[in-house]
Amino acid sequence: MPDYELLELVLFRAIPRQDVKPLARRLMDTFGDFNRVLSAPRKRLAAVKGVGDAVILELKIIEAAAHRMARARVLKRHVISSWDAVLDYCHTTMAHRETEQFRVLYLDRKNMLIADEEQASGTVDHVPVYPRELVKRALELNASALILVHNHPSGDPTPSEQDITMTGQVRKAAEALGITLHDHLIIGKSRELSFRSAGYL
């Protein structure tokens, strides 16, 4: 089913007995695809002609359900053996955001995911990250390992010099306290980059 047809079905639930095709087209033209419509900020959605509270609520319920389903596939599971599920989860929650978001996956000694927390969100091309805070939180959770994840709204997951420097600082701070940094994933629109696979870690 094409994106716009799926969106029409969602809109029809929010605005029954009305032709929703024009609104579906406007939303697709504004945001680009179904995923970006779901993850668009409420203010940007409200700025589209024909979008009211009922439409926003319906879209945000579906977005929350998608995130919950993806999260359930990785929470309290062995992360390394469920790597594809981890990548799916990261793409679902982050690939279509318009601003950068930085998350940390905290793992226990058996590499089971014990927490997934958003550390910061920023602008279209920058997010502030504080290595000391990440490591402090890992100690609070009794985590043994970390996976850093952030998105590039541009769609290109190539790491910046800042990304590389910050990753090195987090690794250094973590290793000093016996915590392993497994990886840093940068999520682009259709692909991701793993620092470990790319040789940065």
C-alpha atoms as a PDB file:
ATOM      1  CA  MET A   1       0.000   0.000   0.000  1.00  0.00           C
ATOM      2  CA  PRO A   2       1.525   3.372  -0.983  1.00  0.00           C
ATOM      3  CA  ASP A   3       2.267   5.885   1.790  1.00  0.00           C
ATOM      4  CA  TYR A   4      -0.464   8.327   0.743  1.00  0.00           C
ATOM      5  CA  GLU A   5      -3.151   5.582   0.807  1.00  0.00           C
ATOM      6  CA  LEU A   6      -2.127   4.520   4.310  1.00  0.00           C
ATOM      7  CA  LEU A   7      -2.215   8.170   5.361  1.00  0.00           C
ATOM      8  CA  GLU A   8      -5.699   8.533   3.857  1.00  0.00           C
ATOM      9  CA  LEU A   9      -6.930   5.637   6.012  1.00  0.00           C
ATOM     10  CA  VAL A  10      -5.501   7.278   9.122  1.00  0.00           C
ATOM     11  CA  LEU A  11      -7.023  10.654   8.219  1.00  0.00           C
ATOM     12  CA  PHE A  12     -10.414   9.102   7.496  1.00  0.00           C
ATOM     13  CA  ARG A  13     -10.512   7.851  11.093  1.00  0.00           C
ATOM     14  CA  ALA A  14      -9.775  11.378  12.351  1.00  0.00           C
ATOM     15  CA  ILE A  15     -12.120  13.173   9.911  1.00  0.00           C
ATOM     16  CA  PRO A  16     -14.937  10.752   8.992  1.00  0.00           C
ATOM     17  CA  ARG A  17     -17.343  11.351   6.067  1.00  0.00           C
ATOM     18  CA  GLN A  18     -15.006  13.759   4.327  1.00  0.00           C
ATOM     19  CA  ASP A  19     -12.702  13.519   1.308  1.00  0.00           C
ATOM     20  CA  VAL A  20      -9.261  13.326   2.911  1.00  0.00           C
ATOM     21  CA  LYS A  21      -7.256  12.890  -0.314  1.00  0.00           C
ATOM     22  CA  PRO A  22      -6.353  16.599  -0.647  1.00  0.00           C
ATOM     23  CA  LEU A  23      -5.174  16.745   2.975  1.00  0.00           C
ATOM     24  CA  ALA A  24      -3.155  13.538   2.582  1.00  0.00           C
ATOM     25  CA  ARG A  25      -1.461  15.051  -0.477  1.00  0.00           C
ATOM     26  CA  ARG A  26      -0.719  18.318   1.365  1.00  0.00           C
ATOM     27  CA  LEU A  27       0.844  16.416   4.247  1.00  0.00           C
ATOM     28  CA  MET A  28       2.924  14.244   1.918  1.00  0.00           C
ATOM     29  CA  ASP A  29       4.057  17.309  -0.071  1.00  0.00           C
ATOM     30  CA  THR A  30       4.979  19.143   3.138  1.00  0.00           C
ATOM     31  CA  PHE A  31       6.850  16.363   4.942  1.00  0.00           C
ATOM     32  CA  GLY A  32       7.927  13.949   2.199  1.00  0.00           C
ATOM     33  CA  ASP A  33       6.757  10.525   3.381  1.00  0.00           C
ATOM     34  CA  PHE A  34       4.470   8.736   5.838  1.00  0.00           C
ATOM     35  CA  ASN A  35       7.140   8.367   8.535  1.00  0.00           C
ATOM     36  CA  ARG A  36       8.004  12.067   8.441  1.00  0.00           C
ATOM     37  CA  VAL A  37       4.315  12.983   8.691  1.00  0.00           C
ATOM     38  CA  LEU A  38       3.999  10.829  11.841  1.00  0.00           C
ATOM     39  CA  SER A  39       7.136  12.230  13.456  1.00  0.00           C
ATOM     40  CA  ALA A  40       6.541  15.874  12.501  1.00  0.00           C
ATOM     41  CA  PRO A  41       6.295  18.284  15.458  1.00  0.00           C
ATOM     42  CA  ARG A  42       2.736  19.193  16.486  1.00  0.00           C
ATOM     43  CA  LYS A  43       3.279  22.880  15.602  1.00  0.00           C
ATOM     44  CA  ARG A  44       4.397  22.047  12.060  1.00  0.00           C
ATOM     45  CA  LEU A  45       1.443  19.699  11.586  1.00  0.00           C
ATOM     46  CA  ALA A  46      -0.980  22.350  12.854  1.00  0.00           C
ATOM     47  CA  ALA A  47       0.401  24.804  10.273  1.00  0.00           C
ATOM     48  CA  VAL A  48      -0.882  22.584   7.422  1.00  0.00           C
ATOM     49  CA  LYS A  49      -4.313  23.678   6.183  1.00  0.00           C
ATOM     50  CA  GLY A  50      -6.994  21.199   7.280  1.00  0.00           C
ATOM     51  CA  VAL A  51      -5.020  19.697  10.173  1.00  0.00           C
ATOM     52  CA  GLY A  52      -6.805  20.038  13.504  1.00  0.00           C
ATOM     53  CA  ASP A  53      -6.467  18.495  16.947  1.00  0.00           C
ATOM     54  CA  ALA A  54      -8.183  15.244  15.904  1.00  0.00           C
ATOM     55  CA  VAL A  55      -5.704  14.652  13.053  1.00  0.00           C
ATOM     56  CA  ILE A  56      -2.697  15.462  15.235  1.00  0.00           C
ATOM     57  CA  LEU A  57      -3.958  13.139  17.983  1.00  0.00           C
ATOM     58  CA  GLU A  58      -4.501  10.266  15.518  1.00  0.00           C
ATOM     59  CA  LEU A  59      -1.014  10.701  13.995  1.00  0.00           C
ATOM     60  CA  LYS A  60       0.676  10.899  17.405  1.00  0.00           C
ATOM     61  CA  ILE A  61      -1.143   7.770  18.672  1.00  0.00           C
ATOM     62  CA  ILE A  62       0.155   5.827  15.662  1.00  0.00           C
ATOM     63  CA  GLU A  63       3.677   7.221  16.139  1.00  0.00           C
ATOM     64  CA  ALA A  64       3.646   6.214  19.835  1.00  0.00           C
ATOM     65  CA  ALA A  65       2.381   2.716  18.958  1.00  0.00           C
ATOM     66  CA  ALA A  66       5.154   2.257  16.369  1.00  0.00           C
ATOM     67  CA  HIS A  67       7.801   3.335  18.893  1.00  0.00           C
ATOM     68  CA  ARG A  68       6.392   1.033  21.567  1.00  0.00           C
ATOM     69  CA  MET A  69       6.350  -1.986  19.254  1.00  0.00           C
ATOM     70  CA  ALA A  70       9.934  -1.371  18.125  1.00  0.00           C
ATOM     71  CA  ARG A  71      11.083  -0.796  21.725  1.00  0.00           C
ATOM     72  CA  ALA A  72       9.425  -4.020  22.947  1.00  0.00           C
ATOM     73  CA  ARG A  73      11.591  -5.988  20.515  1.00  0.00           C
ATOM     74  CA  VAL A  74      14.799  -4.792  22.203  1.00  0.00           C
ATOM     75  CA  LEU A  75      14.004  -4.045  25.856  1.00  0.00           C
ATOM     76  CA  LYS A  76      15.398  -6.673  28.243  1.00  0.00           C
ATOM     77  CA  ARG A  77      16.822  -8.647  25.304  1.00  0.00           C
ATOM     78  CA  HIS A  78      20.407  -9.514  24.480  1.00  0.00           C
ATOM     79  CA  VAL A  79      21.345  -6.514  22.372  1.00  0.00           C
ATOM     80  CA  ILE A  80      24.263  -7.968  20.429  1.00  0.00           C
ATOM     81  CA  SER A  81      22.263 -10.994  19.233  1.00  0.00           C
ATOM     82  CA  SER A  82      19.221  -8.771  18.493  1.00  0.00           C
ATOM     83  CA  TRP A  83      21.264  -6.216  16.546  1.00  0.00           C
ATOM     84  CA  ASP A  84      18.795  -5.976  13.630  1.00  0.00           C
ATOM     85  CA  ALA A  85      15.970  -5.252  16.094  1.00  0.00           C
ATOM     86  CA  VAL A  86      18.125  -2.539  17.715  1.00  0.00           C
ATOM     87  CA  LEU A  87      18.741  -0.925  14.324  1.00  0.00           C
ATOM     88  CA  ASP A  88      15.021  -1.132  13.471  1.00  0.00           C
ATOM     89  CA  TYR A  89      14.183   0.511  16.779  1.00  0.00           C
ATOM     90  CA  CYS A  90      16.692   3.327  16.238  1.00  0.00           C
ATOM     91  CA  HIS A  91      15.413   3.952  12.712  1.00  0.00           C
ATOM     92  CA  THR A  92      11.782   3.934  13.860  1.00  0.00           C
ATOM     93  CA  THR A  93      12.378   6.427  16.648  1.00  0.00           C
ATOM     94  CA  MET A  94      15.015   8.689  15.089  1.00  0.00           C
ATOM     95  CA  ALA A  95      15.484   8.481  11.313  1.00  0.00           C
ATOM     96  CA  HIS A  96      12.650  10.857  10.430  1.00  0.00           C
ATOM     97  CA  ARG A  97      13.134  13.562  13.042  1.00  0.00           C
ATOM     98  CA  GLU A  98      13.782  17.104  11.826  1.00  0.00           C
ATOM     99  CA  THR A  99      16.259  17.887  14.622  1.00  0.00           C
ATOM    100  CA  GLU A 100      19.167  15.962  16.102  1.00  0.00           C
ATOM    101  CA  GLN A 101      18.477  13.697  19.053  1.00  0.00           C
ATOM    102  CA  PHE A 102      21.063  11.885  21.164  1.00  0.00           C
ATOM    103  CA  ARG A 103      20.129   8.669  22.971  1.00  0.00           C
ATOM    104  CA  VAL A 104      22.081   6.210  25.082  1.00  0.00           C
ATOM    105  CA  LEU A 105      21.300   2.508  25.335  1.00  0.00           C
ATOM    106  CA  TYR A 106      22.497   1.229  28.721  1.00  0.00           C
ATOM    107  CA  LEU A 107      23.356  -2.468  28.976  1.00  0.00           C
ATOM    108  CA  ASP A 108      23.991  -4.799  31.898  1.00  0.00           C
ATOM    109  CA  ARG A 109      26.798  -7.375  32.209  1.00  0.00           C
ATOM    110  CA  LYS A 110      24.938  -9.811  29.934  1.00  0.00           C
ATOM    111  CA  ASN A 111      24.453  -7.111  27.277  1.00  0.00           C
ATOM    112  CA  MET A 112      20.737  -6.924  28.016  1.00  0.00           C
ATOM    113  CA  LEU A 113      19.168  -3.523  27.432  1.00  0.00           C
ATOM    114  CA  ILE A 114      18.212  -2.075  30.817  1.00  0.00           C
ATOM    115  CA  ALA A 115      17.474   1.512  29.772  1.00  0.00           C
ATOM    116  CA  ASP A 116      17.129   3.660  26.693  1.00  0.00           C
ATOM    117  CA  GLU A 117      17.250   7.357  27.465  1.00  0.00           C
ATOM    118  CA  GLU A 118      17.217  10.533  25.432  1.00  0.00           C
ATOM    119  CA  GLN A 119      20.138  12.596  26.692  1.00  0.00           C
ATOM    120  CA  ALA A 120      19.607  15.679  24.580  1.00  0.00           C
ATOM    121  CA  SER A 121      17.970  17.090  21.511  1.00  0.00           C
ATOM    122  CA  GLY A 122      19.235  20.011  19.508  1.00  0.00           C
ATOM    123  CA  THR A 123      19.058  21.812  16.198  1.00  0.00           C
ATOM    124  CA  VAL A 124      19.098  20.468  12.652  1.00  0.00           C
ATOM    125  CA  ASP A 125      22.849  19.865  12.816  1.00  0.00           C
ATOM    126  CA  HIS A 126      23.990  19.939  16.442  1.00  0.00           C
ATOM    127  CA  VAL A 127      23.139  18.368  19.773  1.00  0.00           C
ATOM    128  CA  PRO A 128      25.032  19.061  23.036  1.00  0.00           C
ATOM    129  CA  VAL A 129      26.479  15.960  24.728  1.00  0.00           C
ATOM    130  CA  TYR A 130      28.207  15.822  28.124  1.00  0.00           C
ATOM    131  CA  PRO A 131      30.377  12.683  28.553  1.00  0.00           C
ATOM    132  CA  ARG A 132      30.521  13.029  32.370  1.00  0.00           C
ATOM    133  CA  GLU A 133      26.718  12.993  32.585  1.00  0.00           C
ATOM    134  CA  LEU A 134      26.477   9.857  30.429  1.00  0.00           C
ATOM    135  CA  VAL A 135      28.957   7.966  32.568  1.00  0.00           C
ATOM    136  CA  LYS A 136      27.379   9.233  35.806  1.00  0.00           C
ATOM    137  CA  ARG A 137      23.998   7.940  34.608  1.00  0.00           C
ATOM    138  CA  ALA A 138      25.565   4.567  33.677  1.00  0.00           C
ATOM    139  CA  LEU A 139      26.833   4.231  37.260  1.00  0.00           C
ATOM    140  CA  GLU A 140      23.378   5.115  38.647  1.00  0.00           C
ATOM    141  CA  LEU A 141      21.830   2.358  36.497  1.00  0.00           C
ATOM    142  CA  ASN A 142      24.649  -0.091  37.315  1.00  0.00           C
ATOM    143  CA  ALA A 143      25.247  -0.427  33.565  1.00  0.00           C
ATOM    144  CA  SER A 144      28.315  -2.232  32.274  1.00  0.00           C
ATOM    145  CA  ALA A 145      28.187  -1.015  28.682  1.00  0.00           C
ATOM    146  CA  LEU A 146      26.809   1.753  26.482  1.00  0.00           C
ATOM    147  CA  ILE A 147      25.701   2.235  22.900  1.00  0.00           C
ATOM    148  CA  LEU A 148      25.467   5.851  21.772  1.00  0.00           C
ATOM    149  CA  VAL A 149      22.885   6.694  19.099  1.00  0.00           C
ATOM    150  CA  HIS A 150      22.094   9.937  17.352  1.00  0.00           C
ATOM    151  CA  ASN A 151      20.476  10.940  14.096  1.00  0.00           C
ATOM    152  CA  HIS A 152      21.508  13.202  11.256  1.00  0.00           C
ATOM    153  CA  PRO A 153      18.383  14.980   9.928  1.00  0.00           C
ATOM    154  CA  SER A 154      20.272  15.652   6.668  1.00  0.00           C
ATOM    155  CA  GLY A 155      19.948  11.901   5.999  1.00  0.00           C
ATOM    156  CA  ASP A 156      23.716  11.399   5.613  1.00  0.00           C
ATOM    157  CA  PRO A 157      25.140   9.352   8.531  1.00  0.00           C
ATOM    158  CA  THR A 158      28.773  10.364   7.877  1.00  0.00           C
ATOM    159  CA  PRO A 159      30.268  11.415  11.250  1.00  0.00           C
ATOM    160  CA  SER A 160      31.446  14.981  11.773  1.00  0.00           C
ATOM    161  CA  GLU A 161      34.729  15.838  13.499  1.00  0.00           C
ATOM    162  CA  GLN A 162      32.627  16.773  16.549  1.00  0.00           C
ATOM    163  CA  ASP A 163      30.968  13.332  16.523  1.00  0.00           C
ATOM    164  CA  ILE A 164      34.365  11.612  16.427  1.00  0.00           C
ATOM    165  CA  THR A 165      35.865  13.803  19.178  1.00  0.00           C
ATOM    166  CA  MET A 166      32.845  13.423  21.478  1.00  0.00           C
ATOM    167  CA  THR A 167      32.829   9.632  21.011  1.00  0.00           C
ATOM    168  CA  GLY A 168      36.486   9.489  22.018  1.00  0.00           C
ATOM    169  CA  GLN A 169      35.748  11.552  25.134  1.00  0.00           C
ATOM    170  CA  VAL A 170      32.852   9.277  26.142  1.00  0.00           C
ATOM    171  CA  ARG A 171      34.972   6.162  25.588  1.00  0.00           C
ATOM    172  CA  LYS A 172      37.794   7.569  27.702  1.00  0.00           C
ATOM    173  CA  ALA A 173      35.441   8.551  30.556  1.00  0.00           C
ATOM    174  CA  ALA A 174      33.637   5.185  30.420  1.00  0.00           C
ATOM    175  CA  GLU A 175      36.806   3.067  30.323  1.00  0.00           C
ATOM    176  CA  ALA A 176      38.180   4.903  33.364  1.00  0.00           C
ATOM    177  CA  LEU A 177      35.228   3.469  35.317  1.00  0.00           C
ATOM    178  CA  GLY A 178      35.238  -0.002  33.764  1.00  0.00           C
ATOM    179  CA  ILE A 179      32.300   0.683  31.420  1.00  0.00           C
ATOM    180  CA  THR A 180      32.504  -0.502  27.811  1.00  0.00           C
ATOM    181  CA  LEU A 181      31.445   1.670  24.880  1.00  0.00           C
ATOM    182  CA  HIS A 182      30.183  -0.942  22.404  1.00  0.00           C
ATOM    183  CA  ASP A 183      29.325   1.392  19.549  1.00  0.00           C
ATOM    184  CA  HIS A 184      28.097   4.770  18.388  1.00  0.00           C
ATOM    185  CA  LEU A 185      25.394   4.608  15.742  1.00  0.00           C
ATOM    186  CA  ILE A 186      24.532   7.529  13.508  1.00  0.00           C
ATOM    187  CA  ILE A 187      21.080   7.122  12.006  1.00  0.00           C
ATOM    188  CA  GLY A 188      20.463   8.577   8.560  1.00  0.00           C
ATOM    189  CA  LYS A 189      17.226   8.510   6.634  1.00  0.00           C
ATOM    190  CA  SER A 190      17.747   5.159   4.918  1.00  0.00           C
ATOM    191  CA  ARG A 191      20.981   3.806   6.416  1.00  0.00           C
ATOM    192  CA  GLU A 192      23.086   3.981   9.536  1.00  0.00           C
ATOM    193  CA  LEU A 193      26.792   4.173  10.306  1.00  0.00           C
ATOM    194  CA  SER A 194      28.382   2.097  13.053  1.00  0.00           C
ATOM    195  CA  PHE A 195      31.565   3.629  14.494  1.00  0.00           C
ATOM    196  CA  ARG A 196      32.850   0.144  15.307  1.00  0.00           C
ATOM    197  CA  SER A 197      32.231  -1.252  11.800  1.00  0.00           C
ATOM    198  CA  ALA A 198      33.670   1.879  10.192  1.00  0.00           C
ATOM    199  CA  GLY A 199      36.848   1.648  12.297  1.00  0.00           C
ATOM    200  CA  TYR A 200      36.326   4.760  14.445  1.00  0.00           C
ATOM    201  CA  LEU A 201      36.174   2.665  17.646  1.00  0.00           C
END
